[in-house]
Amino acid sequence: MSNDKNFEILNKSLPEYLSEFFMELENQIYKDEERWGDTWKERGLIWEGKSQEERAFQWMNDKFINWSLNKDYSFPWLKMAGEAMIGFIREKYLKDNE
């Protein structure tokens, strides 16, 4: 598919996709909350000797490896956004307390 065709299909500006993205992200976060509970709170900015950045990049790398080995594997963009949200919350609220 050419870039021109993609442009025709993706005919909204990026901010116009926010509502749909946030609705899907919210659904994903509720699913993750049901599965994992508040376990994200147990891991701070540093956990088991690794920073949250190191853990996040390791998580993304693991997902990338899964994707590169199995093209049927759908990269979990919404879960990645959820990880970013957790990192944002930790940075904002824990930075001065750890």
C-alpha atoms as a PDB file:
ATOM      1  CA  MET A   1       0.000   0.000   0.000  1.00  0.00           C
ATOM      2  CA  SER A   2       1.463   3.364  -0.962  1.00  0.00           C
ATOM      3  CA  ASN A   3       1.815   6.270   1.409  1.00  0.00           C
ATOM      4  CA  ASP A   4      -0.794   8.178  -0.634  1.00  0.00           C
ATOM      5  CA  LYS A   5      -3.350   5.413  -0.009  1.00  0.00           C
ATOM      6  CA  ASN A   6      -2.519   5.386   3.723  1.00  0.00           C
ATOM      7  CA  PHE A   7      -3.067   9.116   3.824  1.00  0.00           C
ATOM      8  CA  GLU A   8      -6.533   8.688   2.299  1.00  0.00           C
ATOM      9  CA  ILE A   9      -7.472   6.034   4.860  1.00  0.00           C
ATOM     10  CA  LEU A  10      -5.992   7.933   7.797  1.00  0.00           C
ATOM     11  CA  ASN A  11      -7.851  11.116   6.995  1.00  0.00           C
ATOM     12  CA  LYS A  12      -8.105  12.533  10.529  1.00  0.00           C
ATOM     13  CA  SER A  13      -5.558  14.594  12.397  1.00  0.00           C
ATOM     14  CA  LEU A  14      -3.777  12.827  15.254  1.00  0.00           C
ATOM     15  CA  PRO A  15      -5.791  14.580  17.999  1.00  0.00           C
ATOM     16  CA  GLU A  16      -8.994  13.348  16.355  1.00  0.00           C
ATOM     17  CA  TYR A  17      -7.988   9.779  17.221  1.00  0.00           C
ATOM     18  CA  LEU A  18      -7.544  10.545  20.937  1.00  0.00           C
ATOM     19  CA  SER A  19     -11.093   9.745  21.989  1.00  0.00           C
ATOM     20  CA  GLU A  20     -11.045   6.307  20.348  1.00  0.00           C
ATOM     21  CA  PHE A  21      -7.541   5.603  21.644  1.00  0.00           C
ATOM     22  CA  PHE A  22      -8.416   6.577  25.213  1.00  0.00           C
ATOM     23  CA  MET A  23     -11.571   4.451  25.160  1.00  0.00           C
ATOM     24  CA  GLU A  24      -9.576   1.410  24.044  1.00  0.00           C
ATOM     25  CA  LEU A  25      -6.779   2.191  26.506  1.00  0.00           C
ATOM     26  CA  GLU A  26      -9.311   2.478  29.319  1.00  0.00           C
ATOM     27  CA  ASN A  27     -10.743  -0.944  28.428  1.00  0.00           C
ATOM     28  CA  GLN A  28      -7.231  -2.435  28.382  1.00  0.00           C
ATOM     29  CA  ILE A  29      -6.368  -0.903  31.748  1.00  0.00           C
ATOM     30  CA  TYR A  30      -9.527  -2.340  33.323  1.00  0.00           C
ATOM     31  CA  LYS A  31      -8.643  -5.785  31.915  1.00  0.00           C
ATOM     32  CA  ASP A  32      -5.107  -5.477  33.264  1.00  0.00           C
ATOM     33  CA  GLU A  33      -6.420  -4.266  36.633  1.00  0.00           C
ATOM     34  CA  GLU A  34      -8.694  -7.308  36.827  1.00  0.00           C
ATOM     35  CA  ARG A  35      -5.812  -9.624  35.992  1.00  0.00           C
ATOM     36  CA  TRP A  36      -2.962  -7.992  37.915  1.00  0.00           C
ATOM     37  CA  GLY A  37      -4.681  -5.863  40.571  1.00  0.00           C
ATOM     38  CA  ASP A  38      -2.485  -3.234  42.205  1.00  0.00           C
ATOM     39  CA  THR A  39       0.776  -5.126  41.721  1.00  0.00           C
ATOM     40  CA  TRP A  40       2.140  -2.167  39.757  1.00  0.00           C
ATOM     41  CA  LYS A  41       2.217  -0.243  43.060  1.00  0.00           C
ATOM     42  CA  GLU A  42       4.638  -2.792  44.532  1.00  0.00           C
ATOM     43  CA  ARG A  43       7.321  -1.740  42.048  1.00  0.00           C
ATOM     44  CA  GLY A  44       8.704   1.744  42.531  1.00  0.00           C
ATOM     45  CA  LEU A  45      11.112   3.842  40.510  1.00  0.00           C
ATOM     46  CA  ILE A  46      13.769   1.275  41.421  1.00  0.00           C
ATOM     47  CA  TRP A  47      12.749  -2.365  41.930  1.00  0.00           C
ATOM     48  CA  GLU A  48      15.016  -5.386  42.237  1.00  0.00           C
ATOM     49  CA  GLY A  49      17.955  -3.143  41.329  1.00  0.00           C
ATOM     50  CA  LYS A  50      16.487  -1.944  38.033  1.00  0.00           C
ATOM     51  CA  SER A  51      14.982   1.430  37.198  1.00  0.00           C
ATOM     52  CA  GLN A  52      11.501   1.608  35.775  1.00  0.00           C
ATOM     53  CA  GLU A  53      13.073   2.737  32.497  1.00  0.00           C
ATOM     54  CA  GLU A  54      15.244  -0.385  32.361  1.00  0.00           C
ATOM     55  CA  ARG A  55      12.237  -2.557  33.160  1.00  0.00           C
ATOM     56  CA  ALA A  56      10.071  -0.801  30.561  1.00  0.00           C
ATOM     57  CA  PHE A  57      12.671  -1.144  27.805  1.00  0.00           C
ATOM     58  CA  GLN A  58      13.247  -4.793  28.704  1.00  0.00           C
ATOM     59  CA  TRP A  59       9.482  -5.379  28.531  1.00  0.00           C
ATOM     60  CA  MET A  60       9.297  -3.642  25.128  1.00  0.00           C
ATOM     61  CA  ASN A  61      12.301  -5.588  23.867  1.00  0.00           C
ATOM     62  CA  ASP A  62      10.685  -8.876  24.939  1.00  0.00           C
ATOM     63  CA  LYS A  63       7.512  -7.913  23.055  1.00  0.00           C
ATOM     64  CA  PHE A  64       9.584  -6.909  20.017  1.00  0.00           C
ATOM     65  CA  ILE A  65      11.395 -10.253  20.035  1.00  0.00           C
ATOM     66  CA  ASN A  66       8.036 -12.068  20.194  1.00  0.00           C
ATOM     67  CA  TRP A  67       6.815  -9.994  17.255  1.00  0.00           C
ATOM     68  CA  SER A  68       9.981 -10.496  15.199  1.00  0.00           C
ATOM     69  CA  LEU A  69       9.871 -14.274  15.712  1.00  0.00           C
ATOM     70  CA  ASN A  70       6.152 -14.602  15.033  1.00  0.00           C
ATOM     71  CA  LYS A  71       4.617 -12.170  12.556  1.00  0.00           C
ATOM     72  CA  ASP A  72       1.146 -13.352  13.662  1.00  0.00           C
ATOM     73  CA  TYR A  73       1.897 -11.836  17.082  1.00  0.00           C
ATOM     74  CA  SER A  74       0.189  -8.484  17.397  1.00  0.00           C
ATOM     75  CA  PHE A  75       2.374  -5.909  19.129  1.00  0.00           C
ATOM     76  CA  PRO A  76       0.560  -4.775  22.316  1.00  0.00           C
ATOM     77  CA  TRP A  77       0.442  -1.033  21.709  1.00  0.00           C
ATOM     78  CA  LEU A  78      -2.262  -0.428  24.320  1.00  0.00           C
ATOM     79  CA  LYS A  79      -0.325  -2.356  26.963  1.00  0.00           C
ATOM     80  CA  MET A  80       2.726  -0.283  26.077  1.00  0.00           C
ATOM     81  CA  ALA A  81       0.646   2.859  26.606  1.00  0.00           C
ATOM     82  CA  GLY A  82      -0.480   1.440  29.960  1.00  0.00           C
ATOM     83  CA  GLU A  83       3.167   0.891  30.937  1.00  0.00           C
ATOM     84  CA  ALA A  84       3.878   4.508  29.971  1.00  0.00           C
ATOM     85  CA  MET A  85       0.972   5.636  32.143  1.00  0.00           C
ATOM     86  CA  ILE A  86       2.354   3.701  35.129  1.00  0.00           C
ATOM     87  CA  GLY A  87       5.786   5.247  34.542  1.00  0.00           C
ATOM     88  CA  PHE A  88       4.235   8.707  34.351  1.00  0.00           C
ATOM     89  CA  ILE A  89       2.368   8.171  37.634  1.00  0.00           C
ATOM     90  CA  ARG A  90       5.475   6.884  39.399  1.00  0.00           C
ATOM     91  CA  GLU A  91       7.580   9.802  38.134  1.00  0.00           C
ATOM     92  CA  LYS A  92       4.956  12.332  39.150  1.00  0.00           C
ATOM     93  CA  TYR A  93       4.039  10.962  42.579  1.00  0.00           C
ATOM     94  CA  LEU A  94       6.979   8.886  43.831  1.00  0.00           C
ATOM     95  CA  LYS A  95       9.979  10.884  42.672  1.00  0.00           C
ATOM     96  CA  ASP A  96      10.257  12.937  45.866  1.00  0.00           C
ATOM     97  CA  ASN A  97       9.269  10.055  48.161  1.00  0.00           C
ATOM     98  CA  GLU A  98      11.864   7.383  47.261  1.00  0.00           C
END
